[in-house]
PDB file of N, CA and C in Angstrom:
ATOM      1  N   MET A   1     -96.328  82.211 144.428  1.00  0.00           N
ATOM      2  CA  MET A   1     -97.672  81.175 144.289  1.00  0.00           C
ATOM      3  C   MET A   1     -97.199  79.723 144.385  1.00  0.00           C
ATOM      4  N   GLU A   2     -98.282  79.052 145.063  1.00  0.00           N
ATOM      5  CA  GLU A   2     -98.216  77.685 145.356  1.00  0.00           C
ATOM      6  C   GLU A   2     -98.160  76.943 144.164  1.00  0.00           C
ATOM      7  N   ALA A   3     -97.412  75.587 144.249  1.00  0.00           N
ATOM      8  CA  ALA A   3     -97.577  74.810 142.960  1.00  0.00           C
ATOM      9  C   ALA A   3     -98.921  74.285 142.689  1.00  0.00           C
ATOM     10  N   THR A   4     -99.860  74.337 143.685  1.00  0.00           N
ATOM     11  CA  THR A   4    -101.036  73.715 143.626  1.00  0.00           C
ATOM     12  C   THR A   4    -102.212  74.885 142.699  1.00  0.00           C
ATOM     13  N   THR A   5    -101.472  76.124 142.594  1.00  0.00           N
ATOM     14  CA  THR A   5    -102.226  76.908 141.782  1.00  0.00           C
ATOM     15  C   THR A   5    -102.482  76.587 140.049  1.00  0.00           C
ATOM     16  N   PHE A   6    -101.427  76.075 139.684  1.00  0.00           N
ATOM     17  CA  PHE A   6    -101.445  75.805 138.306  1.00  0.00           C
ATOM     18  C   PHE A   6    -101.928  74.266 137.866  1.00  0.00           C
ATOM     19  N   LEU A   7    -102.018  73.508 139.189  1.00  0.00           N
ATOM     20  CA  LEU A   7    -102.202  72.104 138.997  1.00  0.00           C
ATOM     21  C   LEU A   7    -103.649  71.710 138.225  1.00  0.00           C
ATOM     22  N   PRO A   8    -104.769  72.560 138.457  1.00  0.00           N
ATOM     23  CA  PRO A   8    -105.903  72.158 137.579  1.00  0.00           C
ATOM     24  C   PRO A   8    -105.564  72.481 136.214  1.00  0.00           C
ATOM     25  N   ILE A   9    -104.918  73.411 135.705  1.00  0.00           N
ATOM     26  CA  ILE A   9    -104.647  73.680 134.302  1.00  0.00           C
ATOM     27  C   ILE A   9    -103.886  72.694 133.537  1.00  0.00           C
ATOM     28  N   GLY A  10    -102.755  72.374 134.380  1.00  0.00           N
ATOM     29  CA  GLY A  10    -101.931  71.158 133.857  1.00  0.00           C
ATOM     30  C   GLY A  10    -102.937  69.927 133.703  1.00  0.00           C
ATOM     31  N   MET A  11    -103.548  69.391 134.751  1.00  0.00           N
ATOM     32  CA  MET A  11    -104.503  68.227 134.563  1.00  0.00           C
ATOM     33  C   MET A  11    -105.597  68.466 133.661  1.00  0.00           C
ATOM     34  N   GLY A  12    -106.088  69.695 133.530  1.00  0.00           N
ATOM     35  CA  GLY A  12    -107.239  69.895 132.428  1.00  0.00           C
ATOM     36  C   GLY A  12    -106.551  69.894 130.993  1.00  0.00           C
ATOM     37  N   LEU A  13    -105.337  70.138 130.865  1.00  0.00           N
ATOM     38  CA  LEU A  13    -104.596  69.902 129.600  1.00  0.00           C
ATOM     39  C   LEU A  13    -104.603  68.380 129.303  1.00  0.00           C
ATOM     40  N   ILE A  14    -104.268  67.578 130.237  1.00  0.00           N
ATOM     41  CA  ILE A  14    -104.140  66.089 130.099  1.00  0.00           C
ATOM     42  C   ILE A  14    -105.475  65.610 129.815  1.00  0.00           C
ATOM     43  N   VAL A  15    -106.346  65.943 130.449  1.00  0.00           N
ATOM     44  CA  VAL A  15    -107.935  65.431 130.227  1.00  0.00           C
ATOM     45  C   VAL A  15    -108.195  65.814 128.719  1.00  0.00           C
ATOM     46  N   LEU A  16    -107.769  67.167 128.320  1.00  0.00           N
ATOM     47  CA  LEU A  16    -108.328  67.630 127.031  1.00  0.00           C
ATOM     48  C   LEU A  16    -107.591  66.697 125.869  1.00  0.00           C
ATOM     49  N   GLY A  17    -106.360  66.581 126.156  1.00  0.00           N
ATOM     50  CA  GLY A  17    -105.426  65.888 125.184  1.00  0.00           C
ATOM     51  C   GLY A  17    -106.052  64.244 125.044  1.00  0.00           C
ATOM     52  N   ALA A  18    -106.354  63.806 126.187  1.00  0.00           N
ATOM     53  CA  ALA A  18    -106.906  62.315 126.222  1.00  0.00           C
ATOM     54  C   ALA A  18    -108.166  62.553 125.236  1.00  0.00           C
ATOM     55  N   GLY A  19    -109.008  63.499 125.657  1.00  0.00           N
ATOM     56  CA  GLY A  19    -110.320  63.634 124.866  1.00  0.00           C
ATOM     57  C   GLY A  19    -110.069  63.707 123.296  1.00  0.00           C
ATOM     58  N   LEU A  20    -109.252  64.538 123.123  1.00  0.00           N
ATOM     59  CA  LEU A  20    -109.163  64.700 121.545  1.00  0.00           C
ATOM     60  C   LEU A  20    -108.262  63.436 120.970  1.00  0.00           C
ATOM     61  N   GLY A  21    -107.587  62.647 121.812  1.00  0.00           N
ATOM     62  CA  GLY A  21    -107.038  61.443 121.228  1.00  0.00           C
ATOM     63  C   GLY A  21    -108.109  60.485 121.008  1.00  0.00           C
ATOM     64  N   ILE A  22    -109.071  60.164 121.967  1.00  0.00           N
ATOM     65  CA  ILE A  22    -110.152  59.452 121.840  1.00  0.00           C
ATOM     66  C   ILE A  22    -110.980  59.774 120.872  1.00  0.00           C
ATOM     67  N   GLY A  23    -111.290  61.043 120.473  1.00  0.00           N
ATOM     68  CA  GLY A  23    -112.050  61.430 119.346  1.00  0.00           C
ATOM     69  C   GLY A  23    -111.431  61.151 117.828  1.00  0.00           C
ATOM     70  N   LYS A  24    -110.333  61.495 117.804  1.00  0.00           N
ATOM     71  CA  LYS A  24    -109.525  61.152 116.760  1.00  0.00           C
ATOM     72  C   LYS A  24    -109.321  59.607 116.430  1.00  0.00           C
ATOM     73  N   PHE A  25    -109.142  58.936 117.523  1.00  0.00           N
ATOM     74  CA  PHE A  25    -109.090  57.540 117.195  1.00  0.00           C
ATOM     75  C   PHE A  25    -110.423  56.809 116.978  1.00  0.00           C
ATOM     76  N   ALA A  26    -111.487  57.233 117.659  1.00  0.00           N
ATOM     77  CA  ALA A  26    -112.938  56.648 117.197  1.00  0.00           C
ATOM     78  C   ALA A  26    -113.377  57.220 115.748  1.00  0.00           C
ATOM     79  N   ALA A  27    -112.840  58.181 115.521  1.00  0.00           N
ATOM     80  CA  ALA A  27    -113.352  58.762 114.205  1.00  0.00           C
ATOM     81  C   ALA A  27    -112.628  57.887 113.079  1.00  0.00           C
ATOM     82  N   SER A  28    -111.251  57.640 113.319  1.00  0.00           N
ATOM     83  CA  SER A  28    -110.575  56.813 112.436  1.00  0.00           C
ATOM     84  C   SER A  28    -111.140  55.254 112.272  1.00  0.00           C
ATOM     85  N   ALA A  29    -111.521  54.884 113.491  1.00  0.00           N
ATOM     86  CA  ALA A  29    -112.356  53.539 113.458  1.00  0.00           C
ATOM     87  C   ALA A  29    -113.338  53.567 112.651  1.00  0.00           C
ATOM     88  N   ALA A  30    -114.380  54.571 112.922  1.00  0.00           N
ATOM     89  CA  ALA A  30    -115.648  54.514 112.346  1.00  0.00           C
ATOM     90  C   ALA A  30    -115.420  54.787 110.756  1.00  0.00           C
ATOM     91  N   GLU A  31    -114.446  55.533 110.400  1.00  0.00           N
ATOM     92  CA  GLU A  31    -114.046  55.579 108.908  1.00  0.00           C
ATOM     93  C   GLU A  31    -113.425  54.376 108.317  1.00  0.00           C
ATOM     94  N   SER A  32    -112.695  53.521 109.002  1.00  0.00           N
ATOM     95  CA  SER A  32    -112.180  52.227 108.667  1.00  0.00           C
ATOM     96  C   SER A  32    -113.599  51.419 108.734  1.00  0.00           C
ATOM     97  N   ILE A  33    -114.340  51.395 109.294  1.00  0.00           N
ATOM     98  CA  ILE A  33    -115.538  50.641 109.232  1.00  0.00           C
ATOM     99  C   ILE A  33    -116.565  51.051 108.151  1.00  0.00           C
ATOM    100  N   ALA A  34    -116.677  52.137 107.810  1.00  0.00           N
ATOM    101  CA  ALA A  34    -117.383  52.609 106.656  1.00  0.00           C
ATOM    102  C   ALA A  34    -116.819  52.143 105.409  1.00  0.00           C
ATOM    103  N   ARG A  35    -115.448  52.196 105.433  1.00  0.00           N
ATOM    104  CA  ARG A  35    -114.904  51.673 104.190  1.00  0.00           C
ATOM    105  C   ARG A  35    -115.004  50.229 104.036  1.00  0.00           C
ATOM    106  N   GLN A  36    -114.682  49.405 105.111  1.00  0.00           N
ATOM    107  CA  GLN A  36    -114.780  47.952 105.100  1.00  0.00           C
ATOM    108  C   GLN A  36    -115.694  47.275 106.021  1.00  0.00           C
ATOM    109  N   PRO A  37    -117.137  47.366 105.821  1.00  0.00           N
ATOM    110  CA  PRO A  37    -117.826  46.949 106.669  1.00  0.00           C
ATOM    111  C   PRO A  37    -117.873  45.459 107.183  1.00  0.00           C
ATOM    112  N   GLU A  38    -117.350  44.620 106.424  1.00  0.00           N
ATOM    113  CA  GLU A  38    -117.233  43.340 106.576  1.00  0.00           C
ATOM    114  C   GLU A  38    -115.984  42.944 107.665  1.00  0.00           C
ATOM    115  N   ALA A  39    -115.133  44.013 107.972  1.00  0.00           N
ATOM    116  CA  ALA A  39    -114.120  44.137 108.920  1.00  0.00           C
ATOM    117  C   ALA A  39    -114.524  44.736 110.125  1.00  0.00           C
ATOM    118  N   ALA A  40    -115.628  44.792 110.319  1.00  0.00           N
ATOM    119  CA  ALA A  40    -116.042  45.622 111.552  1.00  0.00           C
ATOM    120  C   ALA A  40    -115.918  45.019 113.079  1.00  0.00           C
ATOM    121  N   PRO A  41    -115.910  43.587 113.047  1.00  0.00           N
ATOM    122  CA  PRO A  41    -115.871  42.977 114.296  1.00  0.00           C
ATOM    123  C   PRO A  41    -114.288  42.962 114.648  1.00  0.00           C
ATOM    124  N   GLU A  42    -113.557  42.759 113.418  1.00  0.00           N
ATOM    125  CA  GLU A  42    -111.855  42.900 113.785  1.00  0.00           C
ATOM    126  C   GLU A  42    -111.592  44.418 114.228  1.00  0.00           C
ATOM    127  N   ILE A  43    -112.128  45.354 113.604  1.00  0.00           N
ATOM    128  CA  ILE A  43    -111.613  46.626 113.897  1.00  0.00           C
ATOM    129  C   ILE A  43    -112.139  47.092 115.163  1.00  0.00           C
ATOM    130  N   THR A  44    -113.424  46.771 115.521  1.00  0.00           N
ATOM    131  CA  THR A  44    -113.954  47.165 116.815  1.00  0.00           C
ATOM    132  C   THR A  44    -113.290  46.443 118.027  1.00  0.00           C
ATOM    133  N   ALA A  45    -112.634  45.115 117.629  1.00  0.00           N
ATOM    134  CA  ALA A  45    -111.948  44.415 118.619  1.00  0.00           C
ATOM    135  C   ALA A  45    -110.542  45.098 118.982  1.00  0.00           C
ATOM    136  N   ALA A  46    -109.968  45.548 117.862  1.00  0.00           N
ATOM    137  CA  ALA A  46    -108.597  46.052 117.862  1.00  0.00           C
ATOM    138  C   ALA A  46    -108.688  47.693 118.337  1.00  0.00           C
ATOM    139  N   VAL A  47    -109.949  48.314 118.568  1.00  0.00           N
ATOM    140  CA  VAL A  47    -110.114  49.589 118.864  1.00  0.00           C
ATOM    141  C   VAL A  47    -110.252  49.542 120.334  1.00  0.00           C
ATOM    142  N   ASN A  48    -111.040  48.497 120.922  1.00  0.00           N
ATOM    143  CA  ASN A  48    -111.472  48.742 122.516  1.00  0.00           C
ATOM    144  C   ASN A  48    -110.382  48.992 123.206  1.00  0.00           C
ATOM    145  N   LEU A  49    -109.184  48.073 123.332  1.00  0.00           N
ATOM    146  CA  LEU A  49    -108.275  48.206 124.274  1.00  0.00           C
ATOM    147  C   LEU A  49    -107.816  49.704 124.532  1.00  0.00           C
ATOM    148  N   PRO A  50    -107.095  50.105 123.285  1.00  0.00           N
ATOM    149  CA  PRO A  50    -106.517  51.589 123.115  1.00  0.00           C
ATOM    150  C   PRO A  50    -107.483  52.651 123.948  1.00  0.00           C
ATOM    151  N   LEU A  51    -108.927  52.513 123.478  1.00  0.00           N
ATOM    152  CA  LEU A  51    -109.884  53.518 123.646  1.00  0.00           C
ATOM    153  C   LEU A  51    -109.932  53.416 125.293  1.00  0.00           C
ATOM    154  N   PHE A  52    -110.015  52.144 125.982  1.00  0.00           N
ATOM    155  CA  PHE A  52    -110.213  52.126 127.275  1.00  0.00           C
ATOM    156  C   PHE A  52    -108.963  52.589 128.095  1.00  0.00           C
ATOM    157  N   LEU A  53    -107.799  52.480 127.483  1.00  0.00           N
ATOM    158  CA  LEU A  53    -106.418  52.962 128.092  1.00  0.00           C
ATOM    159  C   LEU A  53    -106.313  54.489 128.034  1.00  0.00           C
ATOM    160  N   LEU A  54    -106.807  55.052 126.956  1.00  0.00           N
ATOM    161  CA  LEU A  54    -107.018  56.433 126.794  1.00  0.00           C
ATOM    162  C   LEU A  54    -107.955  57.065 127.902  1.00  0.00           C
ATOM    163  N   GLU A  55    -108.934  56.481 128.062  1.00  0.00           N
ATOM    164  CA  GLU A  55    -110.046  56.718 128.993  1.00  0.00           C
ATOM    165  C   GLU A  55    -109.309  56.751 130.346  1.00  0.00           C
ATOM    166  N   GLY A  56    -108.737  55.534 130.565  1.00  0.00           N
ATOM    167  CA  GLY A  56    -108.031  55.619 132.031  1.00  0.00           C
ATOM    168  C   GLY A  56    -106.972  56.665 132.253  1.00  0.00           C
ATOM    169  N   VAL A  57    -106.477  57.224 131.410  1.00  0.00           N
ATOM    170  CA  VAL A  57    -105.531  58.332 131.513  1.00  0.00           C
ATOM    171  C   VAL A  57    -106.290  59.539 131.987  1.00  0.00           C
ATOM    172  N   ALA A  58    -107.328  59.753 131.377  1.00  0.00           N
ATOM    173  CA  ALA A  58    -108.301  60.880 131.710  1.00  0.00           C
ATOM    174  C   ALA A  58    -108.832  60.717 133.143  1.00  0.00           C
ATOM    175  N   ILE A  59    -109.488  59.639 133.385  1.00  0.00           N
ATOM    176  CA  ILE A  59    -109.970  59.188 134.792  1.00  0.00           C
ATOM    177  C   ILE A  59    -108.687  59.644 135.852  1.00  0.00           C
ATOM    178  N   ILE A  60    -107.678  58.809 135.419  1.00  0.00           N
ATOM    179  CA  ILE A  60    -106.678  59.080 136.469  1.00  0.00           C
ATOM    180  C   ILE A  60    -106.110  60.510 136.714  1.00  0.00           C
ATOM    181  N   ALA A  61    -106.032  61.284 135.608  1.00  0.00           N
ATOM    182  CA  ALA A  61    -105.642  62.690 135.801  1.00  0.00           C
ATOM    183  C   ALA A  61    -106.849  63.318 136.622  1.00  0.00           C
ATOM    184  N   GLU A  62    -107.838  63.259 136.477  1.00  0.00           N
ATOM    185  CA  GLU A  62    -108.987  63.971 137.281  1.00  0.00           C
ATOM    186  C   GLU A  62    -108.815  63.396 138.663  1.00  0.00           C
ATOM    187  N   ALA A  63    -108.438  62.144 139.044  1.00  0.00           N
ATOM    188  CA  ALA A  63    -108.643  61.867 140.208  1.00  0.00           C
ATOM    189  C   ALA A  63    -107.355  62.098 141.020  1.00  0.00           C
ATOM    190  N   LEU A  64    -106.252  62.282 140.259  1.00  0.00           N
ATOM    191  CA  LEU A  64    -105.119  63.031 140.941  1.00  0.00           C
ATOM    192  C   LEU A  64    -105.096  64.380 141.152  1.00  0.00           C
ATOM    193  N   THR A  65    -105.866  65.052 140.223  1.00  0.00           N
ATOM    194  CA  THR A  65    -106.114  66.362 140.281  1.00  0.00           C
ATOM    195  C   THR A  65    -106.859  66.807 141.793  1.00  0.00           C
ATOM    196  N   PHE A  66    -107.941  65.917 141.859  1.00  0.00           N
ATOM    197  CA  PHE A  66    -109.082  66.287 143.019  1.00  0.00           C
ATOM    198  C   PHE A  66    -107.976  65.857 144.323  1.00  0.00           C
ATOM    199  N   ALA A  67    -107.212  64.784 144.275  1.00  0.00           N
ATOM    200  CA  ALA A  67    -106.391  64.274 145.491  1.00  0.00           C
ATOM    201  C   ALA A  67    -105.638  65.178 145.860  1.00  0.00           C
ATOM    202  N   MET A  68    -104.790  66.033 144.863  1.00  0.00           N
ATOM    203  CA  MET A  68    -103.717  66.890 145.213  1.00  0.00           C
ATOM    204  C   MET A  68    -104.449  68.291 145.509  1.00  0.00           C
ATOM    205  N   LEU A  69    -105.583  68.572 145.183  1.00  0.00           N
ATOM    206  CA  LEU A  69    -106.325  69.962 145.540  1.00  0.00           C
ATOM    207  C   LEU A  69    -106.679  69.957 146.946  1.00  0.00           C
ATOM    208  N   PHE A  70    -107.463  68.668 147.215  1.00  0.00           N
ATOM    209  CA  PHE A  70    -108.071  68.545 148.648  1.00  0.00           C
ATOM    210  C   PHE A  70    -107.123  68.047 149.647  1.00  0.00           C
ATOM    211  N   PHE A  71    -106.110  67.190 149.178  1.00  0.00           N
ATOM    212  CA  PHE A  71    -105.223  66.436 150.405  1.00  0.00           C
ATOM    213  C   PHE A  71    -103.813  66.881 150.240  1.00  0.00           C
ATOM    214  N   GLY A  72    -103.438  67.553 149.275  1.00  0.00           N
ATOM    215  CA  GLY A  72    -102.141  68.135 148.907  1.00  0.00           C
ATOM    216  C   GLY A  72    -101.809  69.513 149.973  1.00  0.00           C
ATOM    217  N   SER A  73    -100.509  69.567 150.095  1.00  0.00           N
ATOM    218  CA  SER A  73    -100.230  70.833 150.998  1.00  0.00           C
ATOM    219  C   SER A  73     -99.834  72.061 150.166  1.00  0.00           C
TER     220      SER A  73
END
């Protein structure tokens, strides 16, 4: 078997992990805002950067998967 056979599975697991991380992180942020509504601006500001970084991991994994499938040997 070629190395590209299992590539979509591996990259799919990366995207799945990133999606689960984003969901857990956002749920925790929503719970924190529900407990302390007055701290919502600070919590939202602290949550944005890690969420963007996690989303970036998923996008990069998808781009690499397509690049390796279509342009890899």
